[in-house]
């Protein structure tokens, strides 16, 4: 079993193209062809995390946060990041990070919070743009059905609860091959007109490689004409945050105490009480102040996230209860999510939940 086997499976849950542009996800240290002895799952990768991996015979660390976030110009061991990188390389420890790829997954960070809080009727809070692309191509009418079916099999044409979705229109295609051409239809040097079908299908960008392979392998022409554009459509099952409903409504203070106990936090910073019961709750793991307005637009009674600044609490405007439970606390169950996911697939080596708390914040 190689690291590539592990990362391929993780990327079924959290494809790397789900990540935000500013992020640094994927295999940060190591070689995909390395054989795996064990996997240690952690929220952050620190020196003590690498030590724990060594002690437990794990040569792969699957971390939520990336230890290398911005470019390193030197690796001298002068910062905690450089020390981790040096120790990992010296001990042949690979490090893989999921971060916002898992944040944007339907079954990722926010979904885990919903599970812990027992929220039902959940949906994505901020559906992601730039994920849905459209392929348009032109094919002889007699080959259209075969080509469409091959594109569907490669992942094209899936829209929400529907599959095999496409649009086709017939027309006349013209072409003339030069002396170096080898046309399947017509003769080189002669203008040819062919009854063609214009086929358009949408797809998730993660499937682009397999869809293009299916296009070229199943299209009869020597030169395949096609175009791919990124649409403005949002993907309702991919994006940041989630919103759902509590099993039963709670008074505000009751909800805050429930939140404190369930999310295992020592401190909750919250906005002014709004004197109404809490039923509809929006959540977002990590720094989530950017989604306050979205939670309000979704008519959430409460919004649970972290890292709210002083002035951002004013945005509650007596219409929503804002609850900052702490960055680490909002993401702490992500480790369990990844361990459970990996354990279901791999049984020939250990998948271990890190025992170390990497929370850098303490309360007194």
Protein backbone atom coordinates (compact mmCIF):
# COMPACT_ATOMS: atom_id res chain seq x y z
CA UNK A 1 0.00 0.00 0.00
CA UNK A 2 1.51 3.32 -1.07
CA UNK A 3 0.90 6.90 -0.04
CA UNK A 4 -0.82 7.42 -3.41
CA UNK A 5 -3.43 4.80 -2.46
CA UNK A 6 -4.12 6.73 0.74
CA UNK A 7 -4.31 10.17 -0.89
CA UNK A 8 -6.52 8.93 -3.73
CA UNK A 9 -9.04 7.71 -1.17
CA UNK A 10 -8.90 10.93 0.87
CA UNK A 11 -9.47 12.91 -2.31
CA UNK A 12 -12.69 11.00 -2.96
CA UNK A 13 -13.94 12.69 0.22
CA UNK A 14 -12.13 16.01 -0.26
CA UNK A 15 -10.93 16.57 -3.86
CA UNK A 16 -8.05 19.02 -3.96
CA UNK A 17 -9.85 21.28 -6.43
CA UNK A 18 -12.44 21.96 -3.70
CA UNK A 19 -9.77 23.92 -1.81
CA UNK A 20 -9.71 27.70 -1.79
CA UNK A 21 -7.16 29.43 -4.01
CA UNK A 22 -5.17 30.79 -1.06
CA UNK A 23 -4.70 27.35 0.48
CA UNK A 24 -1.91 24.76 0.31
CA UNK A 25 -3.35 21.25 0.32
CA UNK A 26 -2.20 17.80 -0.77
CA UNK A 27 1.07 15.96 -0.18
CA UNK A 28 3.37 18.61 1.31
CA UNK A 29 6.30 16.34 2.20
CA UNK A 30 7.05 12.85 0.89
CA UNK A 31 6.85 10.65 -2.18
CA UNK A 32 3.62 9.16 -3.49
CA UNK A 33 5.32 5.81 -4.18
CA UNK A 34 6.44 5.26 -0.57
CA UNK A 35 5.01 2.19 1.11
CA UNK A 36 2.86 3.00 4.14
CA UNK A 37 3.67 1.56 7.58
CA UNK A 38 1.01 3.53 9.46
CA UNK A 39 -1.01 6.75 9.38
CA UNK A 40 -1.26 9.29 12.20
CA UNK A 41 -4.21 11.67 11.93
CA UNK A 42 -3.93 15.12 13.52
CA UNK A 43 -5.39 18.60 13.36
CA UNK A 44 -1.99 20.30 13.20
CA UNK A 45 1.52 19.02 12.56
CA UNK A 46 4.02 20.13 15.21
CA UNK A 47 7.39 18.70 16.25
CA UNK A 48 5.71 16.62 18.92
CA UNK A 49 3.33 15.29 16.24
CA UNK A 50 6.28 14.04 14.20
CA UNK A 51 7.74 12.50 17.37
CA UNK A 52 4.43 10.74 17.99
CA UNK A 53 4.40 9.40 14.42
CA UNK A 54 7.94 8.03 14.86
CA UNK A 55 7.06 6.39 18.17
CA UNK A 56 3.98 4.74 16.68
CA UNK A 57 5.71 3.59 13.47
CA UNK A 58 3.62 5.85 11.27
CA UNK A 59 5.42 7.20 8.22
CA UNK A 60 2.43 9.26 7.05
CA UNK A 61 0.80 12.15 8.89
CA UNK A 62 -2.62 13.20 7.64
CA UNK A 63 -3.12 16.71 8.98
CA UNK A 64 -6.08 19.02 8.64
CA UNK A 65 -4.05 22.25 8.69
CA UNK A 66 -1.05 22.50 6.34
CA UNK A 67 2.27 23.01 8.13
CA UNK A 68 3.59 24.74 4.99
CA UNK A 69 1.09 27.47 4.19
CA UNK A 70 3.16 30.03 2.33
CA UNK A 71 6.46 29.54 0.54
CA UNK A 72 9.59 28.64 2.48
CA UNK A 73 12.71 30.45 1.27
CA UNK A 74 14.98 28.71 3.76
CA UNK A 75 14.79 25.54 5.85
CA UNK A 76 17.26 26.23 8.65
CA UNK A 77 15.17 25.24 11.64
CA UNK A 78 14.74 28.86 12.76
CA UNK A 79 10.94 28.64 13.04
CA UNK A 80 8.51 26.01 14.26
CA UNK A 81 7.51 25.36 10.63
CA UNK A 82 11.11 24.79 9.50
CA UNK A 83 11.78 22.54 12.49
CA UNK A 84 8.80 20.35 11.60
CA UNK A 85 9.82 20.13 7.95
CA UNK A 86 13.42 19.21 8.82
CA UNK A 87 12.39 16.55 11.33
CA UNK A 88 9.82 15.03 8.98
CA UNK A 89 12.31 14.81 6.09
CA UNK A 90 15.10 13.44 8.30
CA UNK A 91 12.81 10.66 9.55
CA UNK A 92 11.10 9.91 6.21
CA UNK A 93 7.70 11.07 7.46
CA UNK A 94 5.26 12.19 4.78
CA UNK A 95 2.77 14.98 5.56
CA UNK A 96 -0.56 15.39 3.77
CA UNK A 97 -3.02 18.24 4.42
CA UNK A 98 -6.72 18.54 3.53
CA UNK A 99 -7.77 21.92 5.05
CA UNK A 100 -10.28 23.85 2.88
CA UNK A 101 -10.72 20.88 0.52
CA UNK A 102 -12.35 19.14 3.49
CA UNK A 103 -14.03 22.38 4.60
CA UNK A 104 -15.86 22.48 1.26
CA UNK A 105 -16.81 18.80 1.29
CA UNK A 106 -20.44 17.84 1.84
CA UNK A 107 -19.27 15.27 4.40
CA UNK A 108 -16.46 17.38 5.81
CA UNK A 109 -15.74 19.66 8.75
CA UNK A 110 -19.09 21.43 9.07
CA UNK A 111 -21.00 18.20 8.49
CA UNK A 112 -19.15 16.70 11.46
CA UNK A 113 -20.17 19.65 13.64
CA UNK A 114 -23.78 19.11 12.54
CA UNK A 115 -23.48 15.45 13.52
CA UNK A 116 -22.09 16.30 16.95
CA UNK A 117 -24.82 18.89 17.55
CA UNK A 118 -27.45 16.47 16.19
CA UNK A 119 -28.66 18.92 13.55
CA UNK A 120 -31.08 17.59 10.94
CA UNK A 121 -32.30 18.77 7.51
CA UNK A 122 -28.81 20.07 6.81
CA UNK A 123 -27.62 21.84 3.68
CA UNK A 124 -24.57 23.84 2.57
CA UNK A 125 -24.49 27.42 3.86
CA UNK A 126 -22.25 28.91 1.14
CA UNK A 127 -22.44 26.80 -2.05
CA UNK A 128 -19.20 27.07 -4.01
CA UNK A 129 -18.80 28.70 -7.42
CA UNK A 130 -16.25 27.73 -10.07
CA UNK A 131 -16.72 23.98 -9.57
CA UNK A 132 -19.19 23.30 -12.40
CA UNK A 133 -17.76 23.30 -15.93
CA UNK A 134 -19.36 22.68 -19.31
CA UNK A 135 -17.99 20.67 -22.23
CA UNK A 136 -19.26 21.27 -25.75
CA UNK A 137 -18.21 19.08 -28.66
CA UNK A 138 -19.36 18.10 -32.17
CA UNK A 139 -19.71 14.52 -33.38
CA UNK A 140 -21.22 12.69 -36.39
CA UNK A 141 -24.86 11.88 -35.68
CA UNK A 142 -24.29 8.12 -35.79
CA UNK A 143 -21.64 8.36 -33.05
CA UNK A 144 -23.53 10.73 -30.74
CA UNK A 145 -25.16 8.16 -28.44
CA UNK A 146 -21.94 6.20 -27.88
CA UNK A 147 -19.99 9.37 -27.10
CA UNK A 148 -22.63 10.70 -24.69
CA UNK A 149 -22.75 7.42 -22.80
CA UNK A 150 -18.96 7.38 -22.46
CA UNK A 151 -19.02 10.96 -21.11
CA UNK A 152 -21.75 10.02 -18.63
CA UNK A 153 -19.71 7.02 -17.47
CA UNK A 154 -16.74 9.34 -16.88
CA UNK A 155 -18.77 11.59 -14.57
CA UNK A 156 -20.37 14.14 -16.90
CA UNK A 157 -24.05 15.06 -16.84
CA UNK A 158 -24.64 14.81 -13.08
CA UNK A 159 -26.72 17.71 -11.77
CA UNK A 160 -28.00 17.48 -8.19
CA UNK A 161 -30.32 14.46 -7.99
CA UNK A 162 -30.18 13.86 -11.76
CA UNK A 163 -27.70 12.11 -14.04
CA UNK A 164 -27.27 11.53 -17.81
CA UNK A 165 -28.06 15.23 -18.33
CA UNK A 166 -27.07 16.74 -21.68
CA UNK A 167 -28.23 19.05 -24.46
CA UNK A 168 -27.96 18.17 -28.14
CA UNK A 169 -28.71 20.02 -31.36
CA UNK A 170 -28.11 18.92 -34.95
CA UNK A 171 -26.40 20.88 -37.68
CA UNK A 172 -23.91 20.75 -40.54
CA UNK A 173 -20.21 20.52 -39.78
CA UNK A 174 -17.60 21.28 -42.45
CA UNK A 175 -13.90 20.49 -42.69
CA UNK A 176 -11.10 19.96 -45.18
CA UNK A 177 -7.94 18.07 -44.32
CA UNK A 178 -4.51 18.98 -45.73
CA UNK A 179 -2.02 16.59 -47.28
CA UNK A 180 -0.88 15.41 -43.84
CA UNK A 181 -4.38 14.59 -42.58
CA UNK A 182 -5.92 11.14 -42.25
CA UNK A 183 -9.68 11.79 -42.10
CA UNK A 184 -11.99 9.06 -40.86
CA UNK A 185 -14.80 10.56 -42.91
CA UNK A 186 -14.32 12.31 -46.27
CA UNK A 187 -11.14 12.69 -48.32
CA UNK A 188 -8.12 14.86 -47.62
CA UNK A 189 -7.91 17.93 -49.77
CA UNK A 190 -11.67 17.99 -50.33
CA UNK A 191 -14.24 20.06 -48.44
CA UNK A 192 -16.60 17.75 -46.57
CA UNK A 193 -19.98 18.46 -44.98
CA UNK A 194 -21.17 16.11 -42.25
CA UNK A 195 -24.41 15.90 -40.30
CA UNK A 196 -23.22 16.44 -36.75
CA UNK A 197 -24.67 16.65 -33.28
CA UNK A 198 -23.53 19.41 -30.93
CA UNK A 199 -23.37 17.90 -27.44
CA UNK A 200 -23.12 19.92 -24.23
CA UNK A 201 -22.66 18.37 -20.78
CA UNK A 202 -21.82 19.87 -17.39
CA UNK A 203 -19.48 18.24 -14.89
CA UNK A 204 -17.55 18.79 -11.67
CA UNK A 205 -14.09 20.13 -12.40
CA UNK A 206 -12.53 17.23 -10.45
CA UNK A 207 -13.66 14.91 -13.30
CA UNK A 208 -12.11 16.96 -16.11
CA UNK A 209 -9.20 14.58 -16.81
CA UNK A 210 -11.36 11.45 -17.03
CA UNK A 211 -13.97 13.23 -19.16
CA UNK A 212 -11.40 14.47 -21.66
CA UNK A 213 -9.95 10.97 -21.83
CA UNK A 214 -13.41 9.57 -22.59
CA UNK A 215 -13.95 12.25 -25.23
CA UNK A 216 -10.74 11.48 -27.13
CA UNK A 217 -11.07 7.71 -26.81
CA UNK A 218 -14.65 7.60 -28.09
CA UNK A 219 -14.73 10.38 -30.68
CA UNK A 220 -14.21 9.14 -34.26
CA UNK A 221 -12.42 12.21 -35.64
CA UNK A 222 -8.67 12.53 -36.00
CA UNK A 223 -8.90 16.07 -34.61
CA UNK A 224 -11.55 16.56 -31.92
CA UNK A 225 -13.11 20.02 -31.67
CA UNK A 226 -14.32 20.91 -28.18
CA UNK A 227 -14.48 23.73 -25.66
CA UNK A 228 -14.65 23.84 -21.87
CA UNK A 229 -15.97 26.81 -19.91
CA UNK A 230 -16.40 27.37 -16.18
CA UNK A 231 -20.01 28.25 -15.39
CA UNK A 232 -21.40 30.68 -12.83
CA UNK A 233 -23.59 27.96 -11.34
CA UNK A 234 -23.02 27.09 -7.70
CA UNK A 235 -22.81 23.49 -6.53
CA UNK A 236 -25.41 22.95 -3.83
CA UNK A 237 -23.49 20.01 -2.32
CA UNK A 238 -20.06 21.68 -2.19
CA UNK A 239 -19.16 24.71 -0.11
CA UNK A 240 -18.36 26.23 3.26
CA UNK A 241 -20.51 25.84 6.34
CA UNK A 242 -23.84 24.13 6.87
CA UNK A 243 -27.22 24.98 8.30
CA UNK A 244 -29.68 22.65 9.98
CA UNK A 245 -32.19 22.28 12.77
CA UNK A 246 -31.94 21.15 16.37
CA UNK A 247 -34.13 18.17 17.34
CA UNK A 248 -36.16 20.60 19.43
CA UNK A 249 -35.92 24.33 20.01
CA UNK A 250 -34.02 25.64 23.01
CA UNK A 251 -33.87 28.83 25.03
CA UNK A 252 -30.73 30.82 24.23
CA UNK A 253 -28.89 30.14 27.48
CA UNK A 254 -29.88 26.48 27.31
CA UNK A 255 -28.48 26.32 23.77
CA UNK A 256 -25.22 28.00 24.77
CA UNK A 257 -24.73 25.54 27.64
CA UNK A 258 -25.54 22.65 25.30
CA UNK A 259 -23.05 24.03 22.80
CA UNK A 260 -20.36 24.43 25.45
CA UNK A 261 -20.78 20.86 26.69
CA UNK A 262 -21.18 19.18 23.31
CA UNK A 263 -18.31 21.00 21.60
CA UNK A 264 -16.08 20.56 24.67
CA UNK A 265 -15.06 24.18 24.95
CA UNK A 266 -14.04 26.10 28.07
CA UNK A 267 -15.28 29.43 26.78
CA UNK A 268 -17.94 30.74 24.40
CA UNK A 269 -17.90 34.37 23.32
CA UNK A 270 -21.35 35.35 22.10
CA UNK A 271 -23.36 38.35 20.97
CA UNK A 272 -26.23 39.86 22.91
CA UNK A 273 -29.14 37.54 23.63
CA UNK A 274 -31.98 38.09 21.19
CA UNK A 275 -34.77 36.78 23.43
CA UNK A 276 -36.06 34.08 21.14
CA UNK A 277 -35.74 30.31 21.04
CA UNK A 278 -33.04 28.63 18.99
CA UNK A 279 -34.04 26.05 16.38
CA UNK A 280 -32.22 26.78 13.11
CA UNK A 281 -28.43 26.75 13.51
CA UNK A 282 -25.67 27.60 11.03
CA UNK A 283 -22.14 26.27 11.63
CA UNK A 284 -18.72 26.72 10.05
CA UNK A 285 -15.49 25.23 11.34
CA UNK A 286 -12.53 27.56 11.81
CA UNK A 287 -12.50 31.30 11.08
CA UNK A 288 -16.03 31.99 9.96
CA UNK A 289 -16.80 35.67 10.44
CA UNK A 290 -17.00 36.13 6.65
CA UNK A 291 -20.24 34.09 6.65
CA UNK A 292 -22.18 36.04 9.30
CA UNK A 293 -24.31 37.79 6.68
CA UNK A 294 -24.97 34.46 4.93
CA UNK A 295 -26.17 32.90 8.17
CA UNK A 296 -28.52 35.85 8.66
CA UNK A 297 -29.83 35.58 5.07
CA UNK A 298 -30.51 31.89 5.70
CA UNK A 299 -32.67 32.92 8.70
CA UNK A 300 -30.52 31.06 11.20
CA UNK A 301 -31.38 31.68 14.83
CA UNK A 302 -27.73 31.08 15.80
CA UNK A 303 -24.40 30.95 14.02
CA UNK A 304 -21.59 28.85 15.51
CA UNK A 305 -18.02 29.43 14.33
CA UNK A 306 -14.76 30.98 15.57
CA UNK A 307 -12.34 33.90 15.49
CA UNK A 308 -14.92 36.70 15.52
CA UNK A 309 -13.38 40.13 16.03
CA UNK A 310 -14.80 42.74 18.40
CA UNK A 311 -16.71 44.76 15.81
CA UNK A 312 -18.05 41.66 14.07
CA UNK A 313 -20.30 40.88 17.02
CA UNK A 314 -22.22 44.08 16.19
CA UNK A 315 -23.27 42.41 12.92
CA UNK A 316 -25.72 40.28 14.92
CA UNK A 317 -27.98 43.37 14.95
CA UNK A 318 -30.37 41.69 17.38
CA UNK A 319 -31.44 39.19 14.68
CA UNK A 320 -29.09 36.27 15.30
CA UNK A 321 -27.08 34.78 18.16
CA UNK A 322 -23.39 34.67 17.24
CA UNK A 323 -21.34 32.07 19.14
CA UNK A 324 -17.55 31.95 18.91
CA UNK A 325 -16.52 28.61 20.38
CA UNK A 326 -12.82 28.78 19.50
CA UNK A 327 -10.91 27.78 16.36
CA UNK A 328 -9.52 24.48 17.66
CA UNK A 329 -12.78 23.59 19.36
CA UNK A 330 -14.79 24.07 16.16
CA UNK A 331 -12.48 21.74 14.20
CA UNK A 332 -11.46 19.22 16.87
CA UNK A 333 -13.73 16.42 15.65
CA UNK A 334 -12.23 16.57 12.15
CA UNK A 335 -9.56 14.12 13.32
CA UNK A 336 -12.23 11.59 14.24
CA UNK A 337 -13.93 12.08 10.89
CA UNK A 338 -10.71 11.27 9.01
CA UNK A 339 -9.81 8.29 11.20
CA UNK A 340 -13.27 6.77 10.76
CA UNK A 341 -13.13 7.36 7.01
CA UNK A 342 -9.67 5.82 6.55
CA UNK A 343 -10.32 2.87 8.87
CA UNK A 344 -13.29 1.74 6.76
CA UNK A 345 -11.02 1.36 3.73
CA UNK A 346 -7.63 0.25 5.04
CA UNK A 347 -7.03 -2.62 7.44
CA UNK A 348 -3.48 -3.74 6.57
CA UNK A 349 -1.83 -0.97 8.59
CA UNK A 350 -2.71 1.18 11.60
CA UNK A 351 -4.71 4.38 11.27
CA UNK A 352 -4.12 6.18 14.58
CA UNK A 353 -5.83 9.21 16.10
CA UNK A 354 -3.20 11.55 17.51
CA UNK A 355 -3.33 11.76 21.30
CA UNK A 356 -1.75 15.20 21.33
CA UNK A 357 -3.81 18.36 21.65
CA UNK A 358 -2.39 20.99 19.32
CA UNK A 359 -4.60 23.80 20.63
CA UNK A 360 -2.27 26.81 21.13
CA UNK A 361 -4.88 28.72 23.18
CA UNK A 362 -5.44 28.25 26.92
CA UNK A 363 -8.03 29.69 29.33
CA UNK A 364 -7.73 30.57 32.99
